[in-house]
Amino acid sequence: MEKGFERNLKLLNIIYILKWFVLMLPVTVLFFTENGLNGEEILKLTSYYAVSIVIFEIPSGYLADLWGRKNSIVSGLILSLIGTIFFLFPGYYYFLIAEIFLGVGASFISGCDSALFYDSLLSLKKESSFQKLISRYRSYGNFSEGFSGIAGGFIASYAVVYTVYGRILVLFIGVLISLLLVEPKVERIKTDRLKNLFIVIKYALYDNKKVKWLILLGAVLGAVTLNMAWFSQFFFKHINLDPFYYGVIWAIMQFASGIYAILGLKFVNLIGKRNSMISLIVFIIVGFFGLSFSTNIFIGIIFILTTYFIRGINLPVLDYYIHNEVSSDKRATTLSIKSLMVRLIYSLFAPLYGYLIDKYSLSLSLQSAGLIYSIIGTIAVIAIINVMDLRRENR
């Protein structure tokens, strides 16, 4: 059985690489605009994707705790495959169906990969290696997204729709590999299902103050990087960047994220938890406001990469703090709550940002996003410093 858990770690790495090998991702805005959509419609579609995750995130995480992480991951990949196929049918409503399927699929995977990774290590009595291995795991996803960006940009220079066909093939391979996963034995929920679901929600968002504020901060940071991903594509279009270079710049962004994921923990250890939390707000302000005044790709990429450093702290570091606070039977549901909050915050503001792009300017939209996220993030950081007693930290 130990070999199965060891194999899980390798398979999850491969699945995560395939999950983020999204050839169409760096040219999504270009794909939608070629099909007649404007900025507000594009960000509305992405918000519908987010809303579908919001609706299914907690139930899917709860089902994963109840029925197993493997089944949830397999289901999520199949739903994502179906959703991607709908992109082959031009039209706003076909794209809407695609986004909903992708959102539901993502909700079934969200948190389960990390939970299965941790539980596999727990079964091997190697859970102390989680931080190091999950940082490497996340970096694989960033590097995969980077290489897919180069490939996607190259393919899009011939025809953007070809990137959709490539994504369908990748997801099909992912489904086959996910069937080989082994489910570790963990404590399963035995009480009334609906009642226990609300118990976990109450625990994560009310009873445990550390988890509550870590979830809020992680959600803000997730929304920040998600928004910056789309803003960067609008910026590329704004400066008339060639489609091939969409992929090249996207790759640079993802490779940087992979490096950041490895360096994130070292950064926290170097300057301390308190200062690293405060620095996150600085990165938000500098990144969004800096990009709003950028006039060429060389200046713009500096501010995009500044914002992306946030990912290096958000995933490996904040997730680890949450893992330490939550028992195994609540873990997938709690991580799903965090992912839900990311999408909820994103879906609340994305249509506004799209409206500002169409009616006013990309610059104003960026500045509005930077202001909103820095305010919410500051509230969460202050609360975390208090509940984790970081006020007297030496560094």
Protein backbone atom coordinates (compact mmCIF):
# COMPACT_ATOMS: atom_id res chain seq x y z
CA MET A 1 0.00 0.00 0.00
CA GLU A 2 2.92 2.35 0.71
CA LYS A 3 3.94 2.07 -2.94
CA GLY A 4 0.46 3.25 -3.88
CA PHE A 5 0.82 6.34 -1.71
CA GLU A 6 4.30 7.01 -3.10
CA ARG A 7 2.83 6.67 -6.58
CA ASN A 8 0.06 9.10 -5.60
CA LEU A 9 2.65 11.83 -5.10
CA LYS A 10 4.06 11.27 -8.60
CA LEU A 11 0.63 10.98 -10.24
CA LEU A 12 -0.65 14.11 -8.52
CA ASN A 13 2.39 15.99 -9.83
CA ILE A 14 1.60 14.80 -13.37
CA ILE A 15 -2.10 15.63 -13.02
CA TYR A 16 -1.25 19.08 -11.69
CA ILE A 17 1.08 19.66 -14.64
CA LEU A 18 -1.66 18.61 -17.08
CA LYS A 19 -4.25 20.65 -15.21
CA TRP A 20 -2.26 23.81 -15.84
CA PHE A 21 -1.16 22.97 -19.38
CA VAL A 22 -3.94 25.18 -20.75
CA LEU A 23 -2.91 26.13 -24.28
CA MET A 24 -5.78 28.59 -24.72
CA LEU A 25 -5.29 30.37 -21.39
CA PRO A 26 -2.77 33.05 -22.50
CA VAL A 27 -4.95 33.94 -25.51
CA THR A 28 -8.40 33.63 -23.89
CA VAL A 29 -9.17 37.35 -24.20
CA LEU A 30 -8.02 37.23 -27.83
CA PHE A 31 -10.18 34.14 -28.45
CA PHE A 32 -13.27 35.84 -27.03
CA THR A 33 -12.69 39.14 -28.87
CA GLU A 34 -12.27 37.25 -32.15
CA ASN A 35 -15.73 35.84 -31.46
CA GLY A 36 -17.22 39.32 -31.03
CA LEU A 37 -17.18 39.76 -27.24
CA ASN A 38 -16.28 43.03 -25.47
CA GLY A 39 -14.45 43.53 -22.18
CA GLU A 40 -17.54 43.49 -19.99
CA GLU A 41 -18.87 40.31 -21.64
CA ILE A 42 -15.49 38.60 -21.26
CA LEU A 43 -15.18 39.37 -17.55
CA LYS A 44 -18.83 38.46 -17.03
CA LEU A 45 -18.09 35.04 -18.51
CA THR A 46 -15.15 34.63 -16.16
CA SER A 47 -17.37 35.72 -13.27
CA TYR A 48 -20.00 33.11 -14.24
CA TYR A 49 -17.20 30.57 -14.09
CA ALA A 50 -16.40 31.89 -10.63
CA VAL A 51 -20.06 31.84 -9.54
CA SER A 52 -20.43 28.20 -10.62
CA ILE A 53 -17.44 27.41 -8.43
CA VAL A 54 -19.00 29.38 -5.56
CA ILE A 55 -22.19 27.31 -5.85
CA PHE A 56 -20.46 23.92 -6.01
CA GLU A 57 -17.22 24.54 -4.10
CA ILE A 58 -18.31 23.63 -0.57
CA PRO A 59 -20.64 20.75 -1.56
CA SER A 60 -17.90 19.26 -3.76
CA GLY A 61 -15.32 19.58 -0.98
CA TYR A 62 -17.74 18.00 1.44
CA LEU A 63 -18.40 15.13 -0.99
CA ALA A 64 -14.63 14.67 -1.32
CA ASP A 65 -14.34 14.34 2.46
CA LEU A 66 -17.26 11.91 2.39
CA TRP A 67 -16.60 9.79 -0.73
CA GLY A 68 -12.91 10.28 -1.37
CA ARG A 69 -10.51 12.69 -3.02
CA LYS A 70 -9.78 10.40 -5.98
CA ASN A 71 -13.41 10.24 -7.11
CA SER A 72 -13.67 14.00 -6.85
CA ILE A 73 -10.53 14.59 -8.94
CA VAL A 74 -11.66 12.14 -11.65
CA SER A 75 -15.11 13.76 -11.81
CA GLY A 76 -13.60 17.24 -11.99
CA LEU A 77 -11.37 16.37 -14.93
CA ILE A 78 -14.27 14.78 -16.85
CA LEU A 79 -16.46 17.85 -16.33
CA SER A 80 -13.59 20.10 -17.44
CA LEU A 81 -13.19 18.02 -20.59
CA ILE A 82 -16.89 18.40 -21.44
CA GLY A 83 -16.75 22.13 -20.80
CA THR A 84 -13.75 22.65 -23.06
CA ILE A 85 -15.54 20.91 -25.94
CA PHE A 86 -18.25 23.61 -25.81
CA PHE A 87 -15.66 26.23 -26.79
CA LEU A 88 -15.72 24.66 -30.26
CA PHE A 89 -19.25 26.07 -30.74
CA PRO A 90 -18.99 29.85 -31.37
CA GLY A 91 -21.42 32.05 -29.49
CA TYR A 92 -21.79 33.72 -26.12
CA TYR A 93 -24.23 31.16 -24.68
CA TYR A 94 -22.12 28.18 -25.74
CA PHE A 95 -19.19 29.88 -24.02
CA LEU A 96 -21.38 30.39 -20.96
CA ILE A 97 -22.16 26.65 -20.84
CA ALA A 98 -18.45 25.94 -21.22
CA GLU A 99 -17.55 28.23 -18.32
CA ILE A 100 -20.17 26.62 -16.07
CA PHE A 101 -18.89 23.10 -16.78
CA LEU A 102 -15.32 24.28 -16.22
CA GLY A 103 -16.33 25.95 -12.97
CA VAL A 104 -18.07 22.86 -11.61
CA GLY A 105 -15.12 20.72 -12.71
CA ALA A 106 -12.66 23.04 -11.01
CA SER A 107 -14.70 22.94 -7.80
CA PHE A 108 -14.46 19.14 -7.70
CA ILE A 109 -10.66 19.31 -8.00
CA SER A 110 -10.10 22.36 -5.80
CA GLY A 111 -8.55 21.48 -2.46
CA CYS A 112 -8.76 17.74 -3.19
CA ASP A 113 -5.35 17.55 -4.83
CA SER A 114 -3.71 19.27 -1.86
CA ALA A 115 -5.72 17.20 0.64
CA LEU A 116 -4.89 13.91 -1.14
CA PHE A 117 -1.24 14.96 -1.31
CA TYR A 118 -1.19 15.66 2.44
CA ASP A 119 -3.11 12.50 3.36
CA SER A 120 -0.74 10.39 1.22
CA LEU A 121 2.22 11.88 3.10
CA LEU A 122 0.36 11.30 6.36
CA SER A 123 -0.10 7.62 5.47
CA LEU A 124 3.64 7.43 4.76
CA LYS A 125 4.39 9.29 8.03
CA LYS A 126 6.12 12.01 6.02
CA GLU A 127 3.69 14.87 6.65
CA SER A 128 6.56 17.06 7.91
CA SER A 129 7.74 17.24 4.28
CA PHE A 130 4.45 18.78 3.12
CA GLN A 131 5.61 22.40 2.94
CA LYS A 132 8.69 21.57 0.89
CA LEU A 133 6.94 19.11 -1.43
CA ILE A 134 3.78 21.18 -1.95
CA SER A 135 5.92 24.21 -2.87
CA ARG A 136 7.65 22.08 -5.50
CA TYR A 137 4.25 20.69 -6.55
CA ARG A 138 2.84 24.19 -7.08
CA SER A 139 5.95 25.24 -8.97
CA TYR A 140 5.42 22.36 -11.43
CA GLY A 141 2.01 23.83 -12.22
CA ASN A 142 3.50 27.27 -12.81
CA PHE A 143 6.20 25.89 -15.09
CA SER A 144 3.61 23.81 -16.94
CA GLU A 145 1.47 26.89 -17.47
CA GLY A 146 4.58 28.69 -18.69
CA PHE A 147 5.46 26.07 -21.30
CA SER A 148 1.81 25.86 -22.35
CA GLY A 149 1.91 29.63 -22.79
CA ILE A 150 4.77 29.39 -25.27
CA ALA A 151 3.07 26.53 -27.11
CA GLY A 152 -0.32 28.25 -26.98
CA GLY A 153 1.03 31.54 -28.31
CA PHE A 154 2.78 29.74 -31.16
CA ILE A 155 -0.34 27.74 -32.04
CA ALA A 156 -2.55 30.84 -31.76
CA SER A 157 -0.38 32.64 -34.30
CA TYR A 158 -1.89 30.20 -36.82
CA ALA A 159 -5.41 29.92 -35.40
CA VAL A 160 -6.56 30.57 -31.84
CA VAL A 161 -9.14 27.76 -31.97
CA TYR A 162 -6.36 25.18 -32.37
CA THR A 163 -5.48 25.79 -28.72
CA VAL A 164 -8.91 24.44 -27.76
CA TYR A 165 -8.25 21.14 -29.54
CA GLY A 166 -4.93 20.85 -27.74
CA ARG A 167 -6.58 21.41 -24.36
CA ILE A 168 -9.15 18.67 -25.05
CA LEU A 169 -6.33 16.17 -25.67
CA VAL A 170 -4.50 17.17 -22.48
CA LEU A 171 -7.61 16.78 -20.32
CA PHE A 172 -8.37 13.37 -21.81
CA ILE A 173 -4.90 12.17 -20.78
CA GLY A 174 -5.46 13.66 -17.32
CA VAL A 175 -8.67 11.66 -16.85
CA LEU A 176 -6.87 8.40 -17.68
CA ILE A 177 -4.03 9.11 -15.25
CA SER A 178 -6.37 10.13 -12.41
CA LEU A 179 -7.95 6.66 -12.49
CA LEU A 180 -4.64 5.25 -11.19
CA LEU A 181 -4.75 7.20 -7.89
CA VAL A 182 -5.11 5.33 -4.58
CA GLU A 183 -7.39 6.64 -1.82
CA PRO A 184 -5.72 6.76 1.64
CA LYS A 185 -7.72 5.66 4.67
CA VAL A 186 -8.74 8.77 6.58
CA GLU A 187 -11.41 9.49 9.14
CA ARG A 188 -14.71 9.84 7.30
CA ILE A 189 -17.70 11.91 8.27
CA LYS A 190 -20.26 9.67 9.96
CA THR A 191 -22.81 12.12 11.33
CA ASP A 192 -25.71 13.72 9.52
CA ARG A 193 -24.25 14.99 6.24
CA LEU A 194 -25.96 18.36 5.92
CA LYS A 195 -25.58 19.10 9.62
CA ASN A 196 -21.87 18.26 9.53
CA LEU A 197 -21.35 20.43 6.45
CA PHE A 198 -22.63 23.46 8.33
CA ILE A 199 -20.52 22.48 11.33
CA VAL A 200 -17.38 22.64 9.16
CA ILE A 201 -18.44 25.95 7.59
CA LYS A 202 -19.09 27.42 11.04
CA TYR A 203 -15.76 26.09 12.29
CA ALA A 204 -13.78 27.58 9.38
CA LEU A 205 -15.52 30.95 9.14
CA TYR A 206 -16.43 31.62 12.77
CA ASP A 207 -15.14 29.28 15.49
CA ASN A 208 -11.46 29.22 14.51
CA LYS A 209 -10.37 32.84 14.18
CA LYS A 210 -6.97 31.95 12.74
CA VAL A 211 -8.52 29.89 9.95
CA LYS A 212 -11.18 32.53 9.30
CA TRP A 213 -8.71 35.34 8.67
CA LEU A 214 -6.24 33.10 6.83
CA ILE A 215 -9.08 32.13 4.49
CA LEU A 216 -10.02 35.77 3.89
CA LEU A 217 -6.44 36.83 3.18
CA GLY A 218 -5.85 33.80 0.96
CA ALA A 219 -9.07 34.60 -0.89
CA VAL A 220 -8.06 38.21 -1.50
CA LEU A 221 -4.62 37.15 -2.73
CA GLY A 222 -6.17 34.52 -4.99
CA ALA A 223 -8.55 37.10 -6.47
CA VAL A 224 -5.63 39.50 -6.96
CA THR A 225 -3.58 37.06 -9.02
CA LEU A 226 -6.67 35.85 -10.90
CA ASN A 227 -7.59 39.41 -11.84
CA MET A 228 -4.02 40.24 -12.80
CA ALA A 229 -3.98 37.25 -15.16
CA TRP A 230 -6.93 38.72 -17.09
CA PHE A 231 -5.77 42.32 -16.76
CA SER A 232 -2.42 41.33 -18.27
CA GLN A 233 -4.18 40.00 -21.39
CA PHE A 234 -6.21 43.20 -21.72
CA PHE A 235 -2.91 45.07 -21.35
CA PHE A 236 -1.33 42.95 -24.12
CA LYS A 237 -4.27 43.78 -26.38
CA HIS A 238 -4.13 47.46 -25.38
CA ILE A 239 -0.52 47.78 -26.53
CA ASN A 240 -1.21 45.67 -29.68
CA LEU A 241 1.13 42.84 -28.73
CA ASP A 242 1.53 40.11 -31.35
CA PRO A 243 -0.37 36.88 -30.40
CA PHE A 244 2.85 34.87 -30.38
CA TYR A 245 4.27 37.12 -27.67
CA TYR A 246 1.12 36.68 -25.58
CA GLY A 247 2.40 33.17 -25.00
CA VAL A 248 6.02 34.21 -24.44
CA ILE A 249 5.15 36.85 -21.84
CA TRP A 250 2.61 34.52 -20.25
CA ALA A 251 5.36 31.91 -19.97
CA ILE A 252 7.66 34.40 -18.25
CA MET A 253 4.86 35.15 -15.77
CA GLN A 254 4.34 31.48 -14.98
CA PHE A 255 8.04 30.61 -14.76
CA ALA A 256 8.41 33.50 -12.33
CA SER A 257 5.49 32.11 -10.32
CA GLY A 258 7.21 28.73 -10.19
CA ILE A 259 10.35 30.35 -8.80
CA TYR A 260 8.26 32.41 -6.38
CA ALA A 261 6.53 29.25 -5.12
CA ILE A 262 9.94 27.83 -4.22
CA LEU A 263 11.21 31.09 -2.72
CA GLY A 264 7.99 32.00 -0.89
CA LEU A 265 8.81 30.07 2.28
CA LYS A 266 12.40 31.36 2.28
CA PHE A 267 11.08 34.90 1.93
CA VAL A 268 8.80 34.42 4.95
CA ASN A 269 11.64 32.92 7.00
CA LEU A 270 13.93 35.79 6.00
CA ILE A 271 11.75 38.75 6.95
CA GLY A 272 9.30 37.06 9.34
CA LYS A 273 5.61 36.24 9.20
CA ARG A 274 4.41 39.70 10.19
CA ASN A 275 6.54 41.60 7.67
CA SER A 276 5.75 39.13 4.91
CA MET A 277 2.02 39.65 5.53
CA ILE A 278 2.46 43.42 5.35
CA SER A 279 4.54 43.13 2.17
CA LEU A 280 1.61 41.46 0.42
CA ILE A 281 -0.37 44.70 0.55
CA VAL A 282 2.61 46.60 -0.84
CA PHE A 283 2.85 44.15 -3.76
CA ILE A 284 -0.86 44.67 -4.53
CA ILE A 285 -0.59 48.47 -4.60
CA VAL A 286 2.67 48.59 -6.57
CA GLY A 287 1.55 45.95 -9.08
CA PHE A 288 -1.89 47.31 -9.98
CA PHE A 289 -1.10 51.02 -9.89
CA GLY A 290 2.23 50.51 -11.65
CA LEU A 291 0.62 48.58 -14.51
CA SER A 292 -2.09 51.24 -14.84
CA PHE A 293 0.59 53.78 -15.83
CA SER A 294 2.62 51.42 -18.04
CA THR A 295 2.88 52.19 -21.74
CA ASN A 296 4.95 49.28 -23.06
CA ILE A 297 5.51 45.60 -22.36
CA PHE A 298 8.95 46.06 -20.77
CA ILE A 299 7.60 48.33 -18.04
CA GLY A 300 4.32 46.45 -17.71
CA ILE A 301 5.92 43.05 -17.13
CA ILE A 302 7.79 44.41 -14.10
CA PHE A 303 4.54 45.29 -12.33
CA ILE A 304 2.79 42.09 -13.42
CA LEU A 305 5.66 40.04 -11.97
CA THR A 306 5.56 42.10 -8.78
CA THR A 307 1.94 41.09 -8.26
CA TYR A 308 2.66 37.46 -9.11
CA PHE A 309 5.11 37.18 -6.22
CA ILE A 310 1.99 37.04 -4.05
CA ARG A 311 1.37 33.50 -5.33
CA GLY A 312 4.66 32.39 -3.79
CA ILE A 313 3.35 33.19 -0.32
CA ASN A 314 -0.34 32.46 -0.75
CA LEU A 315 -0.31 28.79 -1.76
CA PRO A 316 2.57 27.03 0.02
CA VAL A 317 2.68 29.23 3.13
CA LEU A 318 -0.93 30.18 3.93
CA ASP A 319 -2.20 26.72 2.94
CA TYR A 320 0.30 25.17 5.35
CA TYR A 321 -0.98 27.34 8.20
CA ILE A 322 -4.52 26.20 7.41
CA HIS A 323 -3.46 22.53 7.26
CA ASN A 324 -1.95 22.84 10.73
CA GLU A 325 -5.20 24.19 12.15
CA VAL A 326 -7.65 21.73 10.54
CA SER A 327 -8.13 17.98 11.12
CA SER A 328 -8.10 15.54 8.18
CA ASP A 329 -11.88 15.01 8.05
CA LYS A 330 -12.44 18.76 7.62
CA ARG A 331 -9.43 19.57 5.46
CA ALA A 332 -10.83 19.31 1.92
CA THR A 333 -14.00 21.18 2.90
CA THR A 334 -11.99 23.96 4.56
CA LEU A 335 -9.70 24.38 1.55
CA SER A 336 -12.77 24.41 -0.66
CA ILE A 337 -14.17 27.23 1.47
CA LYS A 338 -10.98 29.18 0.83
CA SER A 339 -11.24 28.58 -2.93
CA LEU A 340 -14.92 29.53 -2.79
CA MET A 341 -14.03 32.84 -1.17
CA VAL A 342 -11.48 33.52 -3.93
CA ARG A 343 -14.15 33.09 -6.59
CA LEU A 344 -16.78 34.94 -4.59
CA ILE A 345 -14.58 38.00 -4.22
CA TYR A 346 -13.54 37.79 -7.87
CA SER A 347 -17.11 37.38 -9.16
CA LEU A 348 -18.31 40.35 -7.11
CA PHE A 349 -15.87 42.76 -8.73
CA ALA A 350 -14.96 41.33 -12.18
CA PRO A 351 -18.04 42.72 -14.01
CA LEU A 352 -17.27 46.15 -12.53
CA TYR A 353 -13.71 46.01 -13.84
CA GLY A 354 -14.97 44.98 -17.29
CA TYR A 355 -17.46 47.86 -17.29
CA LEU A 356 -14.70 50.32 -16.37
CA ILE A 357 -12.50 48.99 -19.19
CA ASP A 358 -15.25 49.46 -21.81
CA LYS A 359 -16.70 52.76 -20.57
CA TYR A 360 -13.59 54.50 -19.25
CA SER A 361 -10.13 52.93 -19.46
CA LEU A 362 -7.99 49.95 -18.54
CA SER A 363 -5.94 52.29 -16.34
CA LEU A 364 -8.94 53.29 -14.18
CA SER A 365 -10.03 49.66 -13.90
CA LEU A 366 -6.58 48.61 -12.67
CA GLN A 367 -6.44 51.41 -10.11
CA SER A 368 -9.91 50.53 -8.81
CA ALA A 369 -8.93 46.88 -8.41
CA GLY A 370 -5.71 47.80 -6.60
CA LEU A 371 -7.56 50.06 -4.18
CA ILE A 372 -10.34 47.56 -3.42
CA TYR A 373 -8.03 44.58 -2.86
CA SER A 374 -5.50 46.51 -0.79
CA ILE A 375 -8.23 47.71 1.59
CA ILE A 376 -9.73 44.23 2.12
CA GLY A 377 -6.27 42.69 2.35
CA THR A 378 -5.14 45.20 4.96
CA ILE A 379 -8.11 44.32 7.18
CA ALA A 380 -7.24 40.61 6.95
CA VAL A 381 -3.52 41.17 7.59
CA ILE A 382 -4.17 43.25 10.72
CA ALA A 383 -6.51 40.55 12.04
CA ILE A 384 -3.99 37.76 11.35
CA ILE A 385 -1.19 39.66 13.08
CA ASN A 386 -3.43 39.93 16.14
CA VAL A 387 -4.85 36.38 16.29
CA MET A 388 -1.49 34.74 15.50
CA ASP A 389 0.22 37.05 18.01
CA LEU A 390 2.78 38.35 15.51
CA ARG A 391 2.94 41.88 16.93
CA ARG A 392 6.04 41.10 18.98
CA GLU A 393 7.80 39.08 16.32
CA ASN A 394 11.45 40.07 16.11
CA ARG A 395 11.50 40.23 12.33
